[in-house]
Amino acid sequence: MNEEILVNVTPQETRVAVIAAGQVQELVVERALNRGLVGNIYVGKVARVLPGMQSAFVEIGLERAAFLHVADIWEARRHGAPNGGEARRAGNGDAAKSEPARPIERILAEGQPVMVQVVKDPIGSKGARLSTQLSVAGRLLVYLPQDPHIGVSQRIEDEAGRAALRGKLKELVPPDEKGGFILRTLAEGASEAELSADIAYLRQVWRDIQGRAAGSTPGVEPPRLVYQDLSLAERVLRDMVTEATAAVRVDSRENFQKLDAFAQAYMPALRGRLEHYTGERPLFELHNVEPEIEKALARRVDLKSGGTLVIDQTEAMTTIDVNTGGYVGQRNFDDTVFKTNLEAAQAIARQLRLRNLGGIIVVDFIDMDSAEHRAAVLEELGRALARDRTRTTVSGFTALGLVEMTRKRTRESLAHVLCEPCAACGGRGEVKTARTVCYEVLREILREARAFDAKEYRVLASPPVYEMFQEEESGALAMLSDFIKKPVSVQVETSYSQEQYDIVLL
């Protein structure tokens, strides 16, 4: 499937859209004020060690201290991480099993400097997630300076091809190399010259990191940044361009020149597919991306058949409900349900990419009695998820007929980047009715009258609440006034939200 990658750049933000089969398949937004941290390497300072949680908080210069678990400490992994922690990447497993586990309090101490890498951006109220197993990504390889392991991306499924790639790389690695490499998917068809160039580039980057980490400025203590990952536009060339990519269009001359220079230095074969868009219409408007962004923020997604998805994102998980909507099918109810679920499986995979939804995801497909139909829907979902660059795991149908799955979460979802909780409802998605607020006001006035001896009570309320008091609830207001033997008046405040009100004691 041929695809195009659109890069829209302004001084404030960079937006990337992947277009395939006439549809926006993926969206990434990065703002200059809140650039992603994944891949950054810091010399941090241990702020607190928590033996009971086998974790530590590390100051790396962010608003909140970052989190480091013992399973993500390379020194602990080499001795067998406690609590059954698994290595984030395959290493020398035999050595790890032969030595006793080391608890975190024997590895880290408060105030200790430590070199760490961000593996997950701060999300919601949680700080960044760290690891001391460092890695530096190149175009074809990922360099592991602490681990002599040679690995191959799981996306390369051919065992013979994996073995051949591993053997080719071992021959190219310099004899003095103490680190290891992981072959990325793009390395599958790479030449020896390209692999050698990537090895040399990554080794030089690591030497630069070591130099910055070892160098010290008088009076400057950790934390400090020693390596920052590429900009979003550069990461597009490094991580997102594949053989299926027909063109990468950039609407900024300055950034096109930077990307062209980057491609010339590290991936010259891509230069022919890199284009500078100079049209009068905005790039995203020309390709109908702006409406897709609005749809990706909506709770409801309409399917072509008439069915719908209802997507609710919470802090703990995301739920997706599939409904038939107006689709009635052409034969029978089972056929209608099956076809709707098949279409929903494709749409769900696309929505996960568009919205960058991660963590636990629960899908409530329409109930199917046929085991064959359930298996076909799961197969379709797996096929649709196969193009996702982010790792996903599908657990199948539960006893309640729900599909449980997980998607790796390394950065904020699209909604969290572009939106904030509603000031009127506090993020609930609902507001109290005007009548409910009226009754709250009546109770509050009664409480105030028992506590204070005011001459008069004046209510400041939103237009809907004011109108309710003037019409349907005017009798209740008069009854309360008679009961407390004090006048009560209502004044409209057009700037108030429906739930907002104040009671002034005069």
Protein backbone atom coordinates (compact mmCIF):
# COMPACT_ATOMS: atom_id res chain seq x y z
CA MET A 1 0.00 0.00 0.00
CA ASN A 2 1.62 3.26 -1.14
CA GLU A 3 1.55 6.04 1.39
CA GLU A 4 2.42 9.71 1.59
CA ILE A 5 3.75 11.52 4.63
CA LEU A 6 2.80 15.18 5.08
CA VAL A 7 4.85 17.42 7.36
CA ASN A 8 3.27 20.73 8.36
CA VAL A 9 5.71 23.01 10.20
CA THR A 10 5.11 26.29 12.03
CA PRO A 11 7.36 27.96 14.63
CA GLN A 12 4.98 26.72 17.34
CA GLU A 13 4.42 23.09 16.33
CA THR A 14 5.13 20.34 13.84
CA ARG A 15 2.31 18.08 12.63
CA VAL A 16 2.77 14.87 10.67
CA ALA A 17 0.05 12.93 8.85
CA VAL A 18 0.44 9.55 7.14
CA ILE A 19 -1.95 9.15 4.19
CA ALA A 20 -2.71 5.70 2.75
CA ALA A 21 -5.66 4.36 0.75
CA GLY A 22 -7.06 7.90 0.60
CA GLN A 23 -7.35 8.14 4.39
CA VAL A 24 -5.34 9.65 7.21
CA GLN A 25 -3.84 6.63 8.97
CA GLU A 26 -1.66 8.28 11.59
CA LEU A 27 -1.26 11.70 13.21
CA VAL A 28 1.62 13.00 15.32
CA VAL A 29 1.79 16.48 16.85
CA GLU A 30 4.85 17.92 18.59
CA ARG A 31 4.91 21.41 20.05
CA ALA A 32 8.02 23.51 20.55
CA LEU A 33 7.02 24.26 24.15
CA ASN A 34 6.35 20.61 24.99
CA ARG A 35 8.68 18.53 22.88
CA GLY A 36 8.63 14.78 23.53
CA LEU A 37 11.33 13.44 25.84
CA VAL A 38 11.48 9.77 24.82
CA GLY A 39 15.04 8.89 23.84
CA ASN A 40 16.62 11.82 25.70
CA ILE A 41 19.56 10.94 27.94
CA TYR A 42 20.25 12.86 31.16
CA VAL A 43 22.74 12.85 33.95
CA GLY A 44 20.18 12.92 36.74
CA LYS A 45 20.32 12.94 40.52
CA VAL A 46 18.56 10.38 42.70
CA ALA A 47 16.00 12.28 44.79
CA ARG A 48 14.53 9.36 46.72
CA VAL A 49 14.91 5.60 46.96
CA LEU A 50 11.84 3.52 47.85
CA PRO A 51 12.93 -0.02 48.88
CA GLY A 52 9.31 -1.10 49.47
CA MET A 53 8.47 -0.38 45.81
CA GLN A 54 11.94 -1.30 44.53
CA SER A 55 11.98 2.03 42.69
CA ALA A 56 13.46 5.50 42.86
CA PHE A 57 12.59 9.04 41.88
CA VAL A 58 15.24 10.83 39.85
CA GLU A 59 15.49 14.55 39.18
CA ILE A 60 16.23 15.22 35.51
CA GLY A 61 15.15 18.86 35.37
CA LEU A 62 11.42 18.37 34.78
CA GLU A 63 8.46 19.69 36.74
CA ARG A 64 8.02 16.28 38.38
CA ALA A 65 10.69 13.80 39.37
CA ALA A 66 10.95 10.86 36.97
CA PHE A 67 10.34 7.23 37.97
CA LEU A 68 12.96 4.48 37.80
CA HIS A 69 12.05 0.87 38.66
CA VAL A 70 14.66 -1.69 39.57
CA ALA A 71 13.66 -3.77 36.51
CA ASP A 72 14.86 -0.86 34.34
CA ILE A 73 18.27 -0.59 36.03
CA TRP A 74 20.96 -2.20 33.93
CA GLU A 75 23.15 -3.00 36.95
CA ALA A 76 20.26 -4.88 38.58
CA ARG A 77 19.45 -6.76 35.39
CA ARG A 78 22.98 -8.05 35.11
CA HIS A 79 22.50 -9.63 38.54
CA GLY A 80 18.91 -10.77 38.01
CA ALA A 81 16.24 -8.13 38.70
CA PRO A 82 14.07 -8.73 41.79
CA ASN A 83 10.30 -9.14 41.63
CA GLY A 84 10.60 -11.11 38.42
CA GLY A 85 11.41 -7.98 36.38
CA GLU A 86 12.19 -8.75 32.78
CA ALA A 87 14.82 -7.03 30.71
CA ARG A 88 13.44 -4.46 28.33
CA ARG A 89 15.73 -5.89 25.70
CA ALA A 90 17.24 -9.35 25.43
CA GLY A 91 20.70 -9.47 26.97
CA ASN A 92 22.99 -12.12 28.42
CA GLY A 93 20.17 -14.05 30.08
CA ASP A 94 22.36 -16.92 31.31
CA ALA A 95 24.64 -14.60 33.26
CA ALA A 96 21.68 -12.81 34.75
CA LYS A 97 20.18 -16.04 36.06
CA SER A 98 23.42 -17.26 37.63
CA GLU A 99 23.89 -14.30 39.99
CA PRO A 100 21.67 -13.24 42.90
CA ALA A 101 19.32 -10.29 42.53
CA ARG A 102 20.46 -6.92 43.82
CA PRO A 103 17.84 -4.74 45.55
CA ILE A 104 17.62 -1.13 44.50
CA GLU A 105 18.86 0.21 47.85
CA ARG A 106 22.19 -1.50 47.20
CA ILE A 107 22.49 0.10 43.76
CA LEU A 108 21.28 3.68 44.26
CA ALA A 109 21.54 6.22 47.07
CA GLU A 110 19.93 9.63 47.49
CA GLY A 111 21.97 12.39 45.88
CA GLN A 112 23.84 9.95 43.62
CA PRO A 113 24.30 11.04 39.98
CA VAL A 114 23.01 8.53 37.47
CA MET A 115 22.83 8.46 33.67
CA VAL A 116 19.29 7.66 32.56
CA GLN A 117 17.19 7.61 29.41
CA VAL A 118 13.51 8.52 29.10
CA VAL A 119 11.47 5.54 27.85
CA LYS A 120 8.02 7.04 28.48
CA ASP A 121 6.94 10.68 28.47
CA PRO A 122 5.13 12.18 31.48
CA ILE A 123 1.47 11.27 31.05
CA GLY A 124 -1.30 12.90 33.08
CA SER A 125 -0.23 13.04 36.71
CA LYS A 126 2.59 10.52 36.22
CA GLY A 127 6.20 11.54 35.77
CA ALA A 128 8.49 10.29 33.03
CA ARG A 129 9.61 6.63 33.10
CA LEU A 130 13.36 6.06 33.02
CA SER A 131 15.85 3.30 32.29
CA THR A 132 19.58 3.05 32.85
CA GLN A 133 19.91 0.69 29.89
CA LEU A 134 20.80 3.27 27.27
CA SER A 135 20.20 3.04 23.55
CA VAL A 136 20.72 5.32 20.57
CA ALA A 137 18.58 4.85 17.48
CA GLY A 138 19.91 5.22 13.96
CA ARG A 139 18.27 4.73 10.60
CA LEU A 140 18.97 0.98 10.37
CA LEU A 141 20.27 0.06 13.82
CA VAL A 142 19.74 0.70 17.51
CA TYR A 143 23.00 0.89 19.43
CA LEU A 144 23.20 -0.70 22.91
CA PRO A 145 26.47 0.60 24.40
CA GLN A 146 26.20 -1.55 27.57
CA ASP A 147 25.06 -4.82 26.01
CA PRO A 148 27.06 -6.93 23.49
CA HIS A 149 23.84 -8.56 22.26
CA ILE A 150 23.03 -8.61 18.53
CA GLY A 151 19.26 -8.61 17.99
CA VAL A 152 16.81 -8.41 15.10
CA SER A 153 13.48 -6.60 15.00
CA GLN A 154 10.51 -8.88 15.63
CA ARG A 155 8.83 -7.40 12.55
CA ILE A 156 11.35 -9.31 10.41
CA GLU A 157 9.62 -12.70 10.62
CA ASP A 158 11.64 -14.82 8.18
CA GLU A 159 13.97 -16.90 10.37
CA ALA A 160 16.50 -17.48 7.59
CA GLY A 161 16.56 -13.76 6.84
CA ARG A 162 16.99 -12.94 10.55
CA ALA A 163 19.94 -15.28 10.84
CA ALA A 164 21.55 -13.88 7.68
CA LEU A 165 21.16 -10.30 8.91
CA ARG A 166 22.60 -11.16 12.30
CA GLY A 167 25.59 -12.85 10.66
CA LYS A 168 26.19 -9.92 8.30
CA LEU A 169 26.13 -7.44 11.18
CA LYS A 170 28.52 -9.48 13.32
CA GLU A 171 31.09 -9.34 10.53
CA LEU A 172 30.76 -5.54 10.30
CA VAL A 173 31.01 -4.76 14.03
CA PRO A 174 34.54 -3.50 14.87
CA PRO A 175 36.64 -5.87 17.05
CA ASP A 176 36.99 -3.25 19.80
CA GLU A 177 33.21 -2.79 20.12
CA LYS A 178 31.91 -3.60 23.60
CA GLY A 179 28.29 -2.71 22.87
CA GLY A 180 25.64 -4.39 20.78
CA PHE A 181 23.09 -3.58 18.09
CA ILE A 182 19.50 -4.30 17.17
CA LEU A 183 18.70 -4.46 13.47
CA ARG A 184 15.61 -2.38 12.72
CA THR A 185 13.00 -3.37 10.14
CA LEU A 186 14.49 -1.03 7.53
CA ALA A 187 17.78 -2.93 7.73
CA GLU A 188 16.24 -5.94 5.98
CA GLY A 189 17.35 -4.80 2.53
CA ALA A 190 20.33 -2.65 3.54
CA SER A 191 23.76 -3.02 2.01
CA GLU A 192 26.95 -3.60 3.99
CA ALA A 193 28.05 -0.05 3.25
CA GLU A 194 24.83 1.37 4.70
CA LEU A 195 25.10 -0.77 7.82
CA SER A 196 28.75 0.21 8.29
CA ALA A 197 27.85 3.89 7.96
CA ASP A 198 25.11 3.53 10.60
CA ILE A 199 27.52 1.73 12.95
CA ALA A 200 30.10 4.51 12.60
CA TYR A 201 27.45 7.22 13.11
CA LEU A 202 26.04 5.60 16.26
CA ARG A 203 29.48 4.99 17.77
CA GLN A 204 30.34 8.66 17.23
CA VAL A 205 27.05 9.78 18.82
CA TRP A 206 27.83 7.62 21.85
CA ARG A 207 31.34 9.08 22.17
CA ASP A 208 29.81 12.56 22.11
CA ILE A 209 27.32 11.55 24.83
CA GLN A 210 30.13 10.18 26.99
CA GLY A 211 32.08 13.39 26.53
CA ARG A 212 29.16 15.58 27.56
CA ALA A 213 28.36 13.34 30.52
CA ALA A 214 31.96 13.33 31.77
CA GLY A 215 32.51 17.04 31.20
CA SER A 216 31.52 19.32 34.06
CA THR A 217 30.93 23.03 34.26
CA PRO A 218 32.07 24.67 37.53
CA GLY A 219 29.06 25.24 39.77
CA VAL A 220 26.73 23.17 37.56
CA GLU A 221 25.47 19.98 39.18
CA PRO A 222 23.13 17.34 37.75
CA PRO A 223 20.57 17.16 36.34
CA ARG A 224 21.64 18.02 32.82
CA LEU A 225 20.69 16.90 29.33
CA VAL A 226 23.49 15.11 27.48
CA TYR A 227 21.58 13.80 24.44
CA GLN A 228 18.34 14.91 22.81
CA ASP A 229 16.56 12.77 20.27
CA LEU A 230 15.93 14.12 16.79
CA SER A 231 13.14 16.58 16.04
CA LEU A 232 9.80 15.14 14.90
CA ALA A 233 10.50 16.04 11.26
CA GLU A 234 13.87 14.24 11.37
CA ARG A 235 12.35 11.25 13.17
CA VAL A 236 9.88 10.99 10.29
CA LEU A 237 12.76 10.20 7.93
CA ARG A 238 14.48 7.93 10.41
CA ASP A 239 11.50 5.96 11.72
CA MET A 240 8.44 6.35 9.51
CA VAL A 241 9.64 6.21 5.91
CA THR A 242 9.46 2.71 4.45
CA GLU A 243 9.52 1.14 0.99
CA ALA A 244 5.78 1.84 0.80
CA THR A 245 6.36 5.60 1.23
CA ALA A 246 5.93 7.31 -2.14
CA ALA A 247 6.66 10.86 -0.99
CA VAL A 248 7.42 13.01 2.05
CA ARG A 249 6.00 16.51 1.52
CA VAL A 250 7.20 19.38 3.73
CA ASP A 251 5.56 22.81 3.61
CA SER A 252 8.48 24.72 5.19
CA ARG A 253 11.48 25.68 3.06
CA GLU A 254 13.82 25.92 6.05
CA ASN A 255 12.81 22.50 7.37
CA PHE A 256 12.89 20.98 3.89
CA GLN A 257 16.51 22.09 3.58
CA LYS A 258 17.33 20.62 7.00
CA LEU A 259 15.67 17.33 6.12
CA ASP A 260 17.39 17.25 2.73
CA ALA A 261 20.76 17.73 4.43
CA PHE A 262 19.88 15.04 6.98
CA ALA A 263 18.85 12.65 4.23
CA GLN A 264 21.99 13.40 2.21
CA ALA A 265 24.16 12.58 5.23
CA TYR A 266 22.39 9.48 6.54
CA MET A 267 19.93 8.15 3.96
CA PRO A 268 20.71 9.46 0.46
CA ALA A 269 18.27 7.01 -1.16
CA LEU A 270 15.38 8.98 0.34
CA ARG A 271 16.25 12.34 -1.18
CA GLY A 272 14.26 11.59 -4.34
CA ARG A 273 11.09 11.12 -2.30
CA LEU A 274 11.50 14.32 -0.31
CA GLU A 275 9.45 17.23 -1.71
CA HIS A 276 9.01 20.87 -0.76
CA TYR A 277 5.32 21.78 -1.01
CA THR A 278 4.82 25.35 -2.30
CA GLY A 279 1.11 25.35 -3.17
CA GLU A 280 -1.22 28.18 -2.18
CA ARG A 281 -3.64 25.97 -0.23
CA PRO A 282 -2.38 24.77 3.18
CA LEU A 283 -0.92 21.27 2.91
CA PHE A 284 -3.23 19.70 5.49
CA GLU A 285 -6.28 21.40 3.99
CA LEU A 286 -5.40 20.13 0.51
CA HIS A 287 -5.32 16.54 1.74
CA ASN A 288 -8.39 16.90 3.99
CA VAL A 289 -6.39 16.31 7.17
CA GLU A 290 -7.94 19.09 9.29
CA PRO A 291 -11.44 17.48 9.34
CA GLU A 292 -9.82 14.15 10.30
CA ILE A 293 -8.16 15.81 13.30
CA GLU A 294 -11.56 17.08 14.44
CA LYS A 295 -13.05 13.59 14.00
CA ALA A 296 -10.18 12.08 15.97
CA LEU A 297 -11.18 14.24 18.94
CA ALA A 298 -14.86 13.23 18.80
CA ARG A 299 -16.36 10.61 21.11
CA ARG A 300 -18.42 9.01 18.35
CA VAL A 301 -17.05 7.60 15.10
CA ASP A 302 -19.48 6.84 12.26
CA LEU A 303 -18.82 3.74 10.16
CA LYS A 304 -19.62 3.62 6.44
CA SER A 305 -22.24 0.93 6.99
CA GLY A 306 -24.18 3.09 9.43
CA GLY A 307 -22.72 1.51 12.56
CA THR A 308 -20.85 3.55 15.16
CA LEU A 309 -17.95 3.40 17.58
CA VAL A 310 -18.19 5.19 20.92
CA ILE A 311 -14.72 5.82 22.37
CA ASP A 312 -14.26 6.81 26.02
CA GLN A 313 -10.76 7.56 27.26
CA THR A 314 -10.07 7.46 31.00
CA GLU A 315 -6.85 7.59 32.98
CA ALA A 316 -6.82 3.82 33.58
CA MET A 317 -8.07 2.52 30.23
CA THR A 318 -9.91 3.22 26.99
CA THR A 319 -13.26 1.58 26.21
CA ILE A 320 -14.65 1.22 22.70
CA ASP A 321 -18.30 0.28 22.20
CA VAL A 322 -19.49 -1.00 18.81
CA ASN A 323 -23.12 -0.38 17.78
CA THR A 324 -25.06 -1.32 14.64
CA GLY A 325 -26.58 2.15 14.42
CA GLY A 326 -28.67 2.46 11.28
CA TYR A 327 -27.19 -0.61 9.56
CA VAL A 328 -29.82 -3.34 9.13
CA GLY A 329 -28.03 -5.65 6.69
CA GLN A 330 -29.48 -7.48 3.74
CA ARG A 331 -30.08 -11.01 5.04
CA ASN A 332 -30.44 -11.49 8.80
CA PHE A 333 -29.44 -10.08 12.15
CA ASP A 334 -26.36 -12.32 12.57
CA ASP A 335 -25.08 -11.18 9.18
CA THR A 336 -25.63 -7.55 10.16
CA VAL A 337 -23.73 -7.98 13.42
CA PHE A 338 -20.85 -9.84 11.77
CA LYS A 339 -20.35 -7.30 8.98
CA THR A 340 -20.55 -4.38 11.42
CA ASN A 341 -17.95 -5.97 13.70
CA LEU A 342 -15.61 -6.64 10.75
CA GLU A 343 -15.80 -3.01 9.67
CA ALA A 344 -15.41 -1.90 13.29
CA ALA A 345 -12.22 -3.96 13.68
CA GLN A 346 -10.59 -2.05 10.82
CA ALA A 347 -11.85 1.31 12.12
CA ILE A 348 -10.66 0.58 15.67
CA ALA A 349 -7.09 -0.13 14.53
CA ARG A 350 -7.08 3.15 12.59
CA GLN A 351 -8.52 5.12 15.51
CA LEU A 352 -5.85 3.76 17.87
CA ARG A 353 -3.17 5.10 15.55
CA LEU A 354 -4.90 8.43 14.88
CA ARG A 355 -5.59 9.14 18.55
CA ASN A 356 -2.41 7.45 19.81
CA LEU A 357 -4.41 5.57 22.42
CA GLY A 358 -2.30 3.41 24.71
CA GLY A 359 -2.43 1.30 27.84
CA ILE A 360 -5.36 -1.05 28.46
CA ILE A 361 -8.05 -1.02 25.76
CA VAL A 362 -11.35 -2.90 26.09
CA VAL A 363 -13.52 -3.36 23.00
CA ASP A 364 -17.19 -4.29 23.33
CA PHE A 365 -18.04 -5.76 19.94
CA ILE A 366 -21.70 -6.53 19.23
CA ASP A 367 -22.47 -9.99 20.67
CA MET A 368 -21.91 -12.85 18.23
CA ASP A 369 -23.19 -16.36 18.84
CA SER A 370 -20.99 -17.95 16.19
CA ALA A 371 -17.49 -18.96 17.31
CA GLU A 372 -16.47 -18.79 13.65
CA HIS A 373 -17.60 -15.17 13.44
CA ARG A 374 -15.72 -14.25 16.64
CA ALA A 375 -12.54 -15.85 15.29
CA ALA A 376 -12.92 -13.98 11.99
CA VAL A 377 -13.37 -10.65 13.77
CA LEU A 378 -10.26 -11.27 15.90
CA GLU A 379 -8.30 -12.21 12.78
CA GLU A 380 -9.45 -9.01 11.04
CA LEU A 381 -8.47 -6.94 14.08
CA GLY A 382 -5.03 -8.54 14.16
CA ARG A 383 -4.57 -7.92 10.43
CA ALA A 384 -5.56 -4.26 10.82
CA LEU A 385 -3.22 -3.81 13.80
CA ALA A 386 -0.27 -5.31 11.90
CA ARG A 387 0.52 -1.97 10.25
CA ASP A 388 0.76 -0.21 13.62
CA ARG A 389 4.28 1.00 14.42
CA THR A 390 3.49 0.74 18.13
CA ARG A 391 3.48 -2.67 19.80
CA THR A 392 0.00 -4.06 20.48
CA THR A 393 -1.16 -7.27 22.14
CA VAL A 394 -4.66 -8.72 21.74
CA SER A 395 -5.87 -11.20 24.38
CA GLY A 396 -9.01 -12.37 22.61
CA PHE A 397 -12.61 -12.53 23.84
CA THR A 398 -13.25 -12.74 27.59
CA ALA A 399 -16.08 -14.68 29.24
CA LEU A 400 -18.16 -11.49 29.07
CA GLY A 401 -17.65 -11.18 25.32
CA LEU A 402 -15.15 -8.29 25.54
CA VAL A 403 -11.85 -8.07 23.67
CA GLU A 404 -8.98 -7.02 25.88
CA MET A 405 -5.83 -5.57 24.35
CA THR A 406 -2.87 -3.38 25.22
CA ARG A 407 -0.98 -0.82 23.16
CA LYS A 408 2.37 0.52 24.28
CA ARG A 409 2.07 4.07 25.56
CA THR A 410 5.16 6.26 25.30
CA ARG A 411 3.60 9.71 24.83
CA GLU A 412 0.35 11.58 25.41
CA SER A 413 -2.68 10.78 23.30
CA LEU A 414 -3.79 13.24 20.62
CA ALA A 415 -6.67 14.43 22.82
CA HIS A 416 -4.32 15.14 25.74
CA VAL A 417 -1.99 17.11 23.47
CA LEU A 418 -4.69 19.23 21.82
CA CYS A 419 -7.34 19.46 24.54
CA GLU A 420 -7.82 20.07 28.25
CA PRO A 421 -10.63 19.11 30.66
CA CYS A 422 -13.81 21.13 30.14
CA ALA A 423 -14.00 24.04 32.59
CA ALA A 424 -17.77 23.62 32.82
CA CYS A 425 -17.95 19.89 33.57
CA GLY A 426 -14.44 19.25 34.94
CA GLY A 427 -13.81 16.59 32.33
CA ARG A 428 -16.88 14.47 33.21
CA GLY A 429 -18.54 15.06 29.87
CA GLU A 430 -21.77 16.09 31.59
CA VAL A 431 -23.04 19.11 33.54
CA LYS A 432 -25.72 19.28 36.22
CA THR A 433 -29.12 20.37 34.96
CA ALA A 434 -30.36 23.87 35.71
CA ARG A 435 -32.98 22.38 38.05
CA THR A 436 -30.31 20.44 39.99
CA VAL A 437 -28.32 23.64 40.45
CA CYS A 438 -31.49 25.48 41.58
CA TYR A 439 -32.06 22.92 44.32
CA GLU A 440 -28.41 23.20 45.41
CA VAL A 441 -28.85 26.98 45.67
CA LEU A 442 -31.98 26.60 47.81
CA ARG A 443 -30.20 24.23 50.20
CA GLU A 444 -27.17 26.52 50.40
CA ILE A 445 -29.32 29.57 51.20
CA LEU A 446 -31.06 27.63 53.99
CA ARG A 447 -27.67 26.62 55.43
CA GLU A 448 -26.38 30.20 55.23
CA ALA A 449 -29.54 31.54 56.92
CA ARG A 450 -28.97 29.22 59.88
CA ALA A 451 -25.33 30.26 60.21
CA PHE A 452 -25.52 34.01 59.51
CA ASP A 453 -28.02 36.78 60.24
CA ALA A 454 -28.04 38.60 56.88
CA LYS A 455 -30.63 41.16 55.84
CA GLU A 456 -30.94 39.83 52.31
CA TYR A 457 -29.61 37.03 50.10
CA ARG A 458 -28.67 37.60 46.47
CA VAL A 459 -28.00 34.71 44.12
CA LEU A 460 -25.61 35.21 41.17
CA ALA A 461 -26.28 32.46 38.62
CA SER A 462 -25.95 31.46 34.96
CA PRO A 463 -28.74 32.37 32.48
CA PRO A 464 -30.34 28.86 32.50
CA VAL A 465 -30.49 28.80 36.32
CA TYR A 466 -31.76 32.40 36.42
CA GLU A 467 -34.56 31.54 33.98
CA MET A 468 -35.47 28.45 35.98
CA PHE A 469 -35.82 30.56 39.14
CA GLN A 470 -37.89 33.16 37.30
CA GLU A 471 -40.31 30.60 35.89
CA GLU A 472 -40.69 26.98 37.07
CA GLU A 473 -38.96 27.32 40.43
CA SER A 474 -40.19 30.83 41.33
CA GLY A 475 -42.63 29.30 43.83
CA ALA A 476 -39.86 27.37 45.59
CA LEU A 477 -37.81 30.55 45.88
CA ALA A 478 -40.74 32.47 47.36
CA MET A 479 -41.46 29.63 49.79
CA LEU A 480 -37.84 29.67 51.02
CA SER A 481 -37.94 33.46 51.43
CA ASP A 482 -41.05 33.17 53.60
CA PHE A 483 -39.49 30.37 55.64
CA ILE A 484 -36.26 32.25 56.51
CA LYS A 485 -38.16 35.56 56.70
CA LYS A 486 -35.55 37.30 54.51
CA PRO A 487 -35.78 38.56 50.92
CA VAL A 488 -34.03 36.43 48.27
CA SER A 489 -33.23 37.80 44.82
CA VAL A 490 -31.57 36.29 41.73
CA GLN A 491 -29.18 38.15 39.41
CA VAL A 492 -28.01 36.76 36.07
CA GLU A 493 -24.28 36.46 35.30
CA THR A 494 -23.77 35.69 31.61
CA SER A 495 -20.14 34.66 32.14
CA TYR A 496 -21.05 31.88 34.61
CA SER A 497 -21.14 28.24 33.54
CA GLN A 498 -24.33 26.33 34.27
CA GLU A 499 -22.99 24.78 37.49
CA GLN A 500 -21.45 28.00 38.77
CA TYR A 501 -23.23 30.25 41.26
CA ASP A 502 -22.51 32.57 44.21
CA ILE A 503 -24.66 33.64 47.16
CA VAL A 504 -24.03 37.18 48.40
CA LEU A 505 -25.07 38.08 51.95
CA LEU A 506 -26.23 41.71 52.16
